[in-house]
Amino acid sequence: MDTEELESMPASELHDRAVRYAVRHGDFGFIWELLRAIPAAEAASGHSHEVVNDLSHLSALLSDAMSSGQGELGEALRPLYVQYLAKHPEA
């Protein structure tokens, strides 16, 4: 799947494919990158009040990572998913 095809997909589907592939292949580097990107994406999507909580609660970040393909957060993280899936076309 090329980048143009990935760009046309909903953020929730990008998230599901990227996270499922990363978990299946033990790509903790991507999961960590996703966790690091979530606070900035939440701030960019108007949810800055969640940033402080996320930074102080790892369990919240893990939960966010599993559901970060939805709504404004999913859209804010879209470039991360597209970049990752473009590197892993078999995902």
PDB file of N, CA and C in Angstrom:
ATOM      1  N   MET A   1       0.858  -1.174   0.000  1.00  0.00           N
ATOM      2  CA  MET A   1       0.000   0.000   0.000  1.00  0.00           C
ATOM      3  C   MET A   1       0.900   1.231   0.000  1.00  0.00           C
ATOM      4  N   ASP A   2       0.659   2.154  -0.922  1.00  0.00           N
ATOM      5  CA  ASP A   2       1.517   3.339  -0.983  1.00  0.00           C
ATOM      6  C   ASP A   2       0.985   4.448  -0.076  1.00  0.00           C
ATOM      7  N   THR A   3       1.794   5.491   0.066  1.00  0.00           N
ATOM      8  CA  THR A   3       1.458   6.585   0.982  1.00  0.00           C
ATOM      9  C   THR A   3       0.140   7.244   0.602  1.00  0.00           C
ATOM     10  N   GLU A   4      -0.119   7.396  -0.680  1.00  0.00           N
ATOM     11  CA  GLU A   4      -1.373   8.028  -1.119  1.00  0.00           C
ATOM     12  C   GLU A   4      -2.583   7.211  -0.678  1.00  0.00           C
ATOM     13  N   GLU A   5      -2.495   5.895  -0.797  1.00  0.00           N
ATOM     14  CA  GLU A   5      -3.590   5.033  -0.350  1.00  0.00           C
ATOM     15  C   GLU A   5      -3.758   5.120   1.163  1.00  0.00           C
ATOM     16  N   LEU A   6      -2.636   5.145   1.876  1.00  0.00           N
ATOM     17  CA  LEU A   6      -2.698   5.258   3.334  1.00  0.00           C
ATOM     18  C   LEU A   6      -3.331   6.576   3.750  1.00  0.00           C
ATOM     19  N   GLU A   7      -2.979   7.667   3.079  1.00  0.00           N
ATOM     20  CA  GLU A   7      -3.526   8.988   3.412  1.00  0.00           C
ATOM     21  C   GLU A   7      -5.043   9.030   3.271  1.00  0.00           C
ATOM     22  N   SER A   8      -5.596   8.195   2.409  1.00  0.00           N
ATOM     23  CA  SER A   8      -7.045   8.212   2.182  1.00  0.00           C
ATOM     24  C   SER A   8      -7.821   7.403   3.221  1.00  0.00           C
ATOM     25  N   MET A   9      -7.110   6.654   4.066  1.00  0.00           N
ATOM     26  CA  MET A   9      -7.771   5.814   5.063  1.00  0.00           C
ATOM     27  C   MET A   9      -8.155   6.622   6.303  1.00  0.00           C
ATOM     28  N   PRO A  10      -9.222   6.212   6.997  1.00  0.00           N
ATOM     29  CA  PRO A  10      -9.582   6.860   8.260  1.00  0.00           C
ATOM     30  C   PRO A  10      -8.485   6.653   9.305  1.00  0.00           C
ATOM     31  N   ALA A  11      -8.328   7.626  10.183  1.00  0.00           N
ATOM     32  CA  ALA A  11      -7.306   7.547  11.234  1.00  0.00           C
ATOM     33  C   ALA A  11      -7.490   6.296  12.091  1.00  0.00           C
ATOM     34  N   SER A  12      -8.728   5.918  12.355  1.00  0.00           N
ATOM     35  CA  SER A  12      -8.965   4.739  13.197  1.00  0.00           C
ATOM     36  C   SER A  12      -8.429   3.472  12.534  1.00  0.00           C
ATOM     37  N   GLU A  13      -8.561   3.355  11.224  1.00  0.00           N
ATOM     38  CA  GLU A  13      -8.044   2.180  10.529  1.00  0.00           C
ATOM     39  C   GLU A  13      -6.516   2.206  10.472  1.00  0.00           C
ATOM     40  N   LEU A  14      -5.945   3.388  10.260  1.00  0.00           N
ATOM     41  CA  LEU A  14      -4.487   3.522  10.285  1.00  0.00           C
ATOM     42  C   LEU A  14      -3.945   3.083  11.641  1.00  0.00           C
ATOM     43  N   HIS A  15      -4.583   3.583  12.698  1.00  0.00           N
ATOM     44  CA  HIS A  15      -4.185   3.223  14.061  1.00  0.00           C
ATOM     45  C   HIS A  15      -4.236   1.717  14.263  1.00  0.00           C
ATOM     46  N   ASP A  16      -5.368   1.125  13.922  1.00  0.00           N
ATOM     47  CA  ASP A  16      -5.545  -0.306  14.154  1.00  0.00           C
ATOM     48  C   ASP A  16      -4.486  -1.122  13.422  1.00  0.00           C
ATOM     49  N   ARG A  17      -4.233  -0.781  12.181  1.00  0.00           N
ATOM     50  CA  ARG A  17      -3.248  -1.520  11.391  1.00  0.00           C
ATOM     51  C   ARG A  17      -1.840  -1.335  11.952  1.00  0.00           C
ATOM     52  N   ALA A  18      -1.482  -0.083  12.275  1.00  0.00           N
ATOM     53  CA  ALA A  18      -0.130   0.200  12.762  1.00  0.00           C
ATOM     54  C   ALA A  18       0.118  -0.456  14.119  1.00  0.00           C
ATOM     55  N   VAL A  19      -0.819  -0.298  15.048  1.00  0.00           N
ATOM     56  CA  VAL A  19      -0.643  -0.862  16.388  1.00  0.00           C
ATOM     57  C   VAL A  19      -0.667  -2.388  16.333  1.00  0.00           C
ATOM     58  N   ARG A  20      -1.579  -2.942  15.574  1.00  0.00           N
ATOM     59  CA  ARG A  20      -1.654  -4.408  15.453  1.00  0.00           C
ATOM     60  C   ARG A  20      -0.339  -4.960  14.882  1.00  0.00           C
ATOM     61  N   TYR A  21       0.189  -4.323  13.846  1.00  0.00           N
ATOM     62  CA  TYR A  21       1.449  -4.775  13.250  1.00  0.00           C
ATOM     63  C   TYR A  21       2.603  -4.650  14.248  1.00  0.00           C
ATOM     64  N   ALA A  22       2.670  -3.500  14.925  1.00  0.00           N
ATOM     65  CA  ALA A  22       3.761  -3.269  15.883  1.00  0.00           C
ATOM     66  C   ALA A  22       3.711  -4.285  17.022  1.00  0.00           C
ATOM     67  N   VAL A  23       2.533  -4.562  17.540  1.00  0.00           N
ATOM     68  CA  VAL A  23       2.395  -5.528  18.639  1.00  0.00           C
ATOM     69  C   VAL A  23       2.761  -6.921  18.149  1.00  0.00           C
ATOM     70  N   ARG A  24       2.247  -7.287  16.986  1.00  0.00           N
ATOM     71  CA  ARG A  24       2.507  -8.617  16.436  1.00  0.00           C
ATOM     72  C   ARG A  24       3.999  -8.856  16.174  1.00  0.00           C
ATOM     73  N   HIS A  25       4.711  -7.787  15.800  1.00  0.00           N
ATOM     74  CA  HIS A  25       6.130  -7.921  15.471  1.00  0.00           C
ATOM     75  C   HIS A  25       7.057  -7.425  16.586  1.00  0.00           C
ATOM     76  N   GLY A  26       6.495  -7.152  17.744  1.00  0.00           N
ATOM     77  CA  GLY A  26       7.316  -6.724  18.880  1.00  0.00           C
ATOM     78  C   GLY A  26       8.059  -5.422  18.622  1.00  0.00           C
ATOM     79  N   ASP A  27       7.450  -4.540  17.846  1.00  0.00           N
ATOM     80  CA  ASP A  27       8.089  -3.268  17.514  1.00  0.00           C
ATOM     81  C   ASP A  27       7.782  -2.243  18.612  1.00  0.00           C
ATOM     82  N   PHE A  28       8.477  -2.411  19.727  1.00  0.00           N
ATOM     83  CA  PHE A  28       8.247  -1.530  20.861  1.00  0.00           C
ATOM     84  C   PHE A  28       8.771  -0.122  20.603  1.00  0.00           C
ATOM     85  N   GLY A  29       9.677   0.001  19.630  1.00  0.00           N
ATOM     86  CA  GLY A  29      10.145   1.330  19.233  1.00  0.00           C
ATOM     87  C   GLY A  29       8.998   2.177  18.705  1.00  0.00           C
ATOM     88  N   PHE A  30       8.133   1.584  17.880  1.00  0.00           N
ATOM     89  CA  PHE A  30       6.979   2.322  17.373  1.00  0.00           C
ATOM     90  C   PHE A  30       5.995   2.625  18.496  1.00  0.00           C
ATOM     91  N   ILE A  31       5.736   1.634  19.341  1.00  0.00           N
ATOM     92  CA  ILE A  31       4.808   1.862  20.454  1.00  0.00           C
ATOM     93  C   ILE A  31       5.328   2.994  21.328  1.00  0.00           C
ATOM     94  N   TRP A  32       6.620   3.010  21.601  1.00  0.00           N
ATOM     95  CA  TRP A  32       7.205   4.085  22.402  1.00  0.00           C
ATOM     96  C   TRP A  32       7.072   5.423  21.684  1.00  0.00           C
ATOM     97  N   GLU A  33       7.326   5.442  20.367  1.00  0.00           N
ATOM     98  CA  GLU A  33       7.174   6.675  19.588  1.00  0.00           C
ATOM     99  C   GLU A  33       5.733   7.177  19.655  1.00  0.00           C
ATOM    100  N   LEU A  34       4.784   6.255  19.567  1.00  0.00           N
ATOM    101  CA  LEU A  34       3.371   6.609  19.676  1.00  0.00           C
ATOM    102  C   LEU A  34       3.069   7.196  21.052  1.00  0.00           C
ATOM    103  N   LEU A  35       3.562   6.547  22.093  1.00  0.00           N
ATOM    104  CA  LEU A  35       3.325   7.038  23.453  1.00  0.00           C
ATOM    105  C   LEU A  35       3.911   8.437  23.644  1.00  0.00           C
ATOM    106  N   ARG A  36       5.082   8.675  23.078  1.00  0.00           N
ATOM    107  CA  ARG A  36       5.711   9.999  23.188  1.00  0.00           C
ATOM    108  C   ARG A  36       4.943  11.052  22.398  1.00  0.00           C
ATOM    109  N   ALA A  37       4.294  10.648  21.302  1.00  0.00           N
ATOM    110  CA  ALA A  37       3.580  11.597  20.446  1.00  0.00           C
ATOM    111  C   ALA A  37       2.192  11.954  20.975  1.00  0.00           C
ATOM    112  N   ILE A  38       1.611  11.108  21.796  1.00  0.00           N
ATOM    113  CA  ILE A  38       0.232  11.322  22.246  1.00  0.00           C
ATOM    114  C   ILE A  38       0.044  12.643  23.000  1.00  0.00           C
ATOM    115  N   PRO A  39       0.887  13.008  23.963  1.00  0.00           N
ATOM    116  CA  PRO A  39       0.647  14.276  24.660  1.00  0.00           C
ATOM    117  C   PRO A  39       0.624  15.488  23.715  1.00  0.00           C
ATOM    118  N   ALA A  40       1.543  15.553  22.770  1.00  0.00           N
ATOM    119  CA  ALA A  40       1.561  16.670  21.826  1.00  0.00           C
ATOM    120  C   ALA A  40       0.338  16.627  20.922  1.00  0.00           C
ATOM    121  N   ALA A  41      -0.075  15.425  20.515  1.00  0.00           N
ATOM    122  CA  ALA A  41      -1.259  15.295  19.667  1.00  0.00           C
ATOM    123  C   ALA A  41      -2.518  15.698  20.436  1.00  0.00           C
ATOM    124  N   GLU A  42      -2.573  15.353  21.711  1.00  0.00           N
ATOM    125  CA  GLU A  42      -3.724  15.768  22.521  1.00  0.00           C
ATOM    126  C   GLU A  42      -3.758  17.284  22.647  1.00  0.00           C
ATOM    127  N   ALA A  43      -2.615  17.902  22.864  1.00  0.00           N
ATOM    128  CA  ALA A  43      -2.563  19.361  22.957  1.00  0.00           C
ATOM    129  C   ALA A  43      -2.971  19.988  21.625  1.00  0.00           C
ATOM    130  N   ALA A  44      -2.488  19.431  20.525  1.00  0.00           N
ATOM    131  CA  ALA A  44      -2.809  19.959  19.197  1.00  0.00           C
ATOM    132  C   ALA A  44      -4.287  19.787  18.863  1.00  0.00           C
ATOM    133  N   SER A  45      -4.917  18.764  19.436  1.00  0.00           N
ATOM    134  CA  SER A  45      -6.330  18.533  19.150  1.00  0.00           C
ATOM    135  C   SER A  45      -7.249  19.169  20.191  1.00  0.00           C
ATOM    136  N   GLY A  46      -6.673  20.074  21.009  1.00  0.00           N
ATOM    137  CA  GLY A  46      -7.491  20.830  21.950  1.00  0.00           C
ATOM    138  C   GLY A  46      -7.729  20.158  23.278  1.00  0.00           C
ATOM    139  N   HIS A  47      -6.962  19.152  23.593  1.00  0.00           N
ATOM    140  CA  HIS A  47      -7.142  18.429  24.848  1.00  0.00           C
ATOM    141  C   HIS A  47      -5.913  18.589  25.743  1.00  0.00           C
ATOM    142  N   SER A  48      -5.443  19.818  25.868  1.00  0.00           N
ATOM    143  CA  SER A  48      -4.209  20.077  26.619  1.00  0.00           C
ATOM    144  C   SER A  48      -4.334  19.713  28.092  1.00  0.00           C
ATOM    145  N   HIS A  49      -5.535  19.713  28.645  1.00  0.00           N
ATOM    146  CA  HIS A  49      -5.714  19.345  30.049  1.00  0.00           C
ATOM    147  C   HIS A  49      -5.323  17.889  30.302  1.00  0.00           C
ATOM    148  N   GLU A  50      -5.350  17.050  29.264  1.00  0.00           N
ATOM    149  CA  GLU A  50      -4.998  15.647  29.423  1.00  0.00           C
ATOM    150  C   GLU A  50      -3.488  15.424  29.408  1.00  0.00           C
ATOM    151  N   VAL A  51      -2.726  16.385  28.912  1.00  0.00           N
ATOM    152  CA  VAL A  51      -1.282  16.233  28.783  1.00  0.00           C
ATOM    153  C   VAL A  51      -0.633  16.003  30.139  1.00  0.00           C
ATOM    154  N   VAL A  52      -0.971  16.806  31.136  1.00  0.00           N
ATOM    155  CA  VAL A  52      -0.362  16.683  32.457  1.00  0.00           C
ATOM    156  C   VAL A  52      -0.661  15.311  33.050  1.00  0.00           C
ATOM    157  N   ASN A  53      -1.902  14.868  32.931  1.00  0.00           N
ATOM    158  CA  ASN A  53      -2.261  13.552  33.456  1.00  0.00           C
ATOM    159  C   ASN A  53      -1.495  12.445  32.750  1.00  0.00           C
ATOM    160  N   ASP A  54      -1.385  12.535  31.431  1.00  0.00           N
ATOM    161  CA  ASP A  54      -0.699  11.499  30.672  1.00  0.00           C
ATOM    162  C   ASP A  54       0.776  11.416  31.027  1.00  0.00           C
ATOM    163  N   LEU A  55       1.394  12.555  31.211  1.00  0.00           N
ATOM    164  CA  LEU A  55       2.816  12.541  31.516  1.00  0.00           C
ATOM    165  C   LEU A  55       3.096  11.926  32.874  1.00  0.00           C
ATOM    166  N   SER A  56       2.152  11.987  33.774  1.00  0.00           N
ATOM    167  CA  SER A  56       2.378  11.447  35.114  1.00  0.00           C
ATOM    168  C   SER A  56       1.785  10.053  35.315  1.00  0.00           C
ATOM    169  N   HIS A  57       1.107   9.508  34.316  1.00  0.00           N
ATOM    170  CA  HIS A  57       0.480   8.196  34.461  1.00  0.00           C
ATOM    171  C   HIS A  57       0.759   7.314  33.242  1.00  0.00           C
ATOM    172  N   LEU A  58       1.713   6.431  33.360  1.00  0.00           N
ATOM    173  CA  LEU A  58       2.062   5.550  32.250  1.00  0.00           C
ATOM    174  C   LEU A  58       0.874   4.688  31.830  1.00  0.00           C
ATOM    175  N   SER A  59       0.084   4.252  32.770  1.00  0.00           N
ATOM    176  CA  SER A  59      -1.064   3.419  32.402  1.00  0.00           C
ATOM    177  C   SER A  59      -2.033   4.191  31.520  1.00  0.00           C
ATOM    178  N   ALA A  60      -2.153   5.488  31.741  1.00  0.00           N
ATOM    179  CA  ALA A  60      -3.006   6.305  30.887  1.00  0.00           C
ATOM    180  C   ALA A  60      -2.441   6.360  29.472  1.00  0.00           C
ATOM    181  N   LEU A  61      -1.131   6.460  29.363  1.00  0.00           N
ATOM    182  CA  LEU A  61      -0.507   6.473  28.032  1.00  0.00           C
ATOM    183  C   LEU A  61      -0.735   5.143  27.309  1.00  0.00           C
ATOM    184  N   LEU A  62      -0.588   4.049  28.027  1.00  0.00           N
ATOM    185  CA  LEU A  62      -0.813   2.753  27.392  1.00  0.00           C
ATOM    186  C   LEU A  62      -2.257   2.620  26.930  1.00  0.00           C
ATOM    187  N   SER A  63      -3.173   3.069  27.742  1.00  0.00           N
ATOM    188  CA  SER A  63      -4.575   3.054  27.356  1.00  0.00           C
ATOM    189  C   SER A  63      -4.805   3.957  26.151  1.00  0.00           C
ATOM    190  N   ASP A  64      -4.197   5.124  26.167  1.00  0.00           N
ATOM    191  CA  ASP A  64      -4.313   6.041  25.038  1.00  0.00           C
ATOM    192  C   ASP A  64      -3.775   5.414  23.758  1.00  0.00           C
ATOM    193  N   ALA A  65      -2.658   4.716  23.874  1.00  0.00           N
ATOM    194  CA  ALA A  65      -2.054   4.110  22.687  1.00  0.00           C
ATOM    195  C   ALA A  65      -3.012   3.124  22.034  1.00  0.00           C
ATOM    196  N   MET A  66      -3.738   2.393  22.840  1.00  0.00           N
ATOM    197  CA  MET A  66      -4.640   1.392  22.297  1.00  0.00           C
ATOM    198  C   MET A  66      -5.897   2.013  21.680  1.00  0.00           C
ATOM    199  N   SER A  67      -6.233   3.239  22.071  1.00  0.00           N
ATOM    200  CA  SER A  67      -7.434   3.875  21.526  1.00  0.00           C
ATOM    201  C   SER A  67      -7.128   5.165  20.780  1.00  0.00           C
ATOM    202  N   SER A  68      -5.866   5.379  20.438  1.00  0.00           N
ATOM    203  CA  SER A  68      -5.464   6.666  19.856  1.00  0.00           C
ATOM    204  C   SER A  68      -5.781   6.812  18.383  1.00  0.00           C
ATOM    205  N   GLY A  69      -6.612   5.957  17.843  1.00  0.00           N
ATOM    206  CA  GLY A  69      -7.007   6.097  16.448  1.00  0.00           C
ATOM    207  C   GLY A  69      -8.351   6.763  16.278  1.00  0.00           C
ATOM    208  N   GLN A  70      -8.944   7.189  17.356  1.00  0.00           N
ATOM    209  CA  GLN A  70     -10.298   7.729  17.309  1.00  0.00           C
ATOM    210  C   GLN A  70     -10.315   9.255  17.325  1.00  0.00           C
ATOM    211  N   GLY A  71     -11.263   9.837  16.636  1.00  0.00           N
ATOM    212  CA  GLY A  71     -11.555  11.267  16.712  1.00  0.00           C
ATOM    213  C   GLY A  71     -10.385  12.176  16.390  1.00  0.00           C
ATOM    214  N   GLU A  72     -10.352  13.297  17.088  1.00  0.00           N
ATOM    215  CA  GLU A  72      -9.341  14.319  16.842  1.00  0.00           C
ATOM    216  C   GLU A  72      -7.935  13.807  17.146  1.00  0.00           C
ATOM    217  N   LEU A  73      -7.797  12.975  18.162  1.00  0.00           N
ATOM    218  CA  LEU A  73      -6.494  12.413  18.497  1.00  0.00           C
ATOM    219  C   LEU A  73      -5.992  11.531  17.359  1.00  0.00           C
ATOM    220  N   GLY A  74      -6.856  10.703  16.830  1.00  0.00           N
ATOM    221  CA  GLY A  74      -6.486   9.861  15.689  1.00  0.00           C
ATOM    222  C   GLY A  74      -6.037  10.689  14.505  1.00  0.00           C
ATOM    223  N   GLU A  75      -6.760  11.771  14.240  1.00  0.00           N
ATOM    224  CA  GLU A  75      -6.392  12.650  13.127  1.00  0.00           C
ATOM    225  C   GLU A  75      -5.046  13.324  13.378  1.00  0.00           C
ATOM    226  N   ALA A  76      -4.793  13.728  14.615  1.00  0.00           N
ATOM    227  CA  ALA A  76      -3.526  14.380  14.935  1.00  0.00           C
ATOM    228  C   ALA A  76      -2.353  13.406  14.806  1.00  0.00           C
ATOM    229  N   LEU A  77      -2.613  12.121  15.038  1.00  0.00           N
ATOM    230  CA  LEU A  77      -1.564  11.109  14.938  1.00  0.00           C
ATOM    231  C   LEU A  77      -1.488  10.466  13.554  1.00  0.00           C
ATOM    232  N   ARG A  78      -2.363  10.859  12.641  1.00  0.00           N
ATOM    233  CA  ARG A  78      -2.411  10.306  11.285  1.00  0.00           C
ATOM    234  C   ARG A  78      -1.033  10.247  10.629  1.00  0.00           C
ATOM    235  N   PRO A  79      -0.226  11.336  10.643  1.00  0.00           N
ATOM    236  CA  PRO A  79       1.085  11.276   9.971  1.00  0.00           C
ATOM    237  C   PRO A  79       1.991  10.174  10.523  1.00  0.00           C
ATOM    238  N   LEU A  80       1.924   9.931  11.813  1.00  0.00           N
ATOM    239  CA  LEU A  80       2.732   8.883  12.436  1.00  0.00           C
ATOM    240  C   LEU A  80       2.320   7.514  11.906  1.00  0.00           C
ATOM    241  N   TYR A  81       1.013   7.277  11.817  1.00  0.00           N
ATOM    242  CA  TYR A  81       0.523   5.997  11.317  1.00  0.00           C
ATOM    243  C   TYR A  81       0.878   5.807   9.847  1.00  0.00           C
ATOM    244  N   VAL A  82       0.688   6.853   9.040  1.00  0.00           N
ATOM    245  CA  VAL A  82       0.988   6.752   7.609  1.00  0.00           C
ATOM    246  C   VAL A  82       2.469   6.459   7.399  1.00  0.00           C
ATOM    247  N   GLN A  83       3.333   7.177   8.111  1.00  0.00           N
ATOM    248  CA  GLN A  83       4.771   6.976   7.981  1.00  0.00           C
ATOM    249  C   GLN A  83       5.156   5.541   8.348  1.00  0.00           C
ATOM    250  N   TYR A  84       4.610   5.042   9.439  1.00  0.00           N
ATOM    251  CA  TYR A  84       4.936   3.693   9.897  1.00  0.00           C
ATOM    252  C   TYR A  84       4.422   2.646   8.915  1.00  0.00           C
ATOM    253  N   LEU A  85       3.176   2.781   8.471  1.00  0.00           N
ATOM    254  CA  LEU A  85       2.603   1.798   7.567  1.00  0.00           C
ATOM    255  C   LEU A  85       3.256   1.843   6.192  1.00  0.00           C
ATOM    256  N   ALA A  86       3.721   3.006   5.768  1.00  0.00           N
ATOM    257  CA  ALA A  86       4.435   3.097   4.493  1.00  0.00           C
ATOM    258  C   ALA A  86       5.754   2.317   4.559  1.00  0.00           C
ATOM    259  N   LYS A  87       6.381   2.283   5.739  1.00  0.00           N
ATOM    260  CA  LYS A  87       7.626   1.515   5.924  1.00  0.00           C
ATOM    261  C   LYS A  87       7.341   0.014   5.996  1.00  0.00           C
ATOM    262  N   HIS A  88       6.118  -0.347   6.345  1.00  0.00           N
ATOM    263  CA  HIS A  88       5.733  -1.748   6.528  1.00  0.00           C
ATOM    264  C   HIS A  88       4.501  -2.053   5.669  1.00  0.00           C
ATOM    265  N   PRO A  89       4.661  -2.120   4.348  1.00  0.00           N
ATOM    266  CA  PRO A  89       3.510  -2.304   3.458  1.00  0.00           C
ATOM    267  C   PRO A  89       2.759  -3.619   3.674  1.00  0.00           C
ATOM    268  N   GLU A  90       3.388  -4.565   4.335  1.00  0.00           N
ATOM    269  CA  GLU A  90       2.718  -5.843   4.588  1.00  0.00           C
ATOM    270  C   GLU A  90       1.739  -5.765   5.769  1.00  0.00           C
ATOM    271  N   ALA A  91       1.721  -4.629   6.463  1.00  0.00           N
ATOM    272  CA  ALA A  91       0.834  -4.475   7.633  1.00  0.00           C
ATOM    273  C   ALA A  91      -0.612  -4.379   7.202  1.00  0.00           C
TER     274      ALA A  91
END
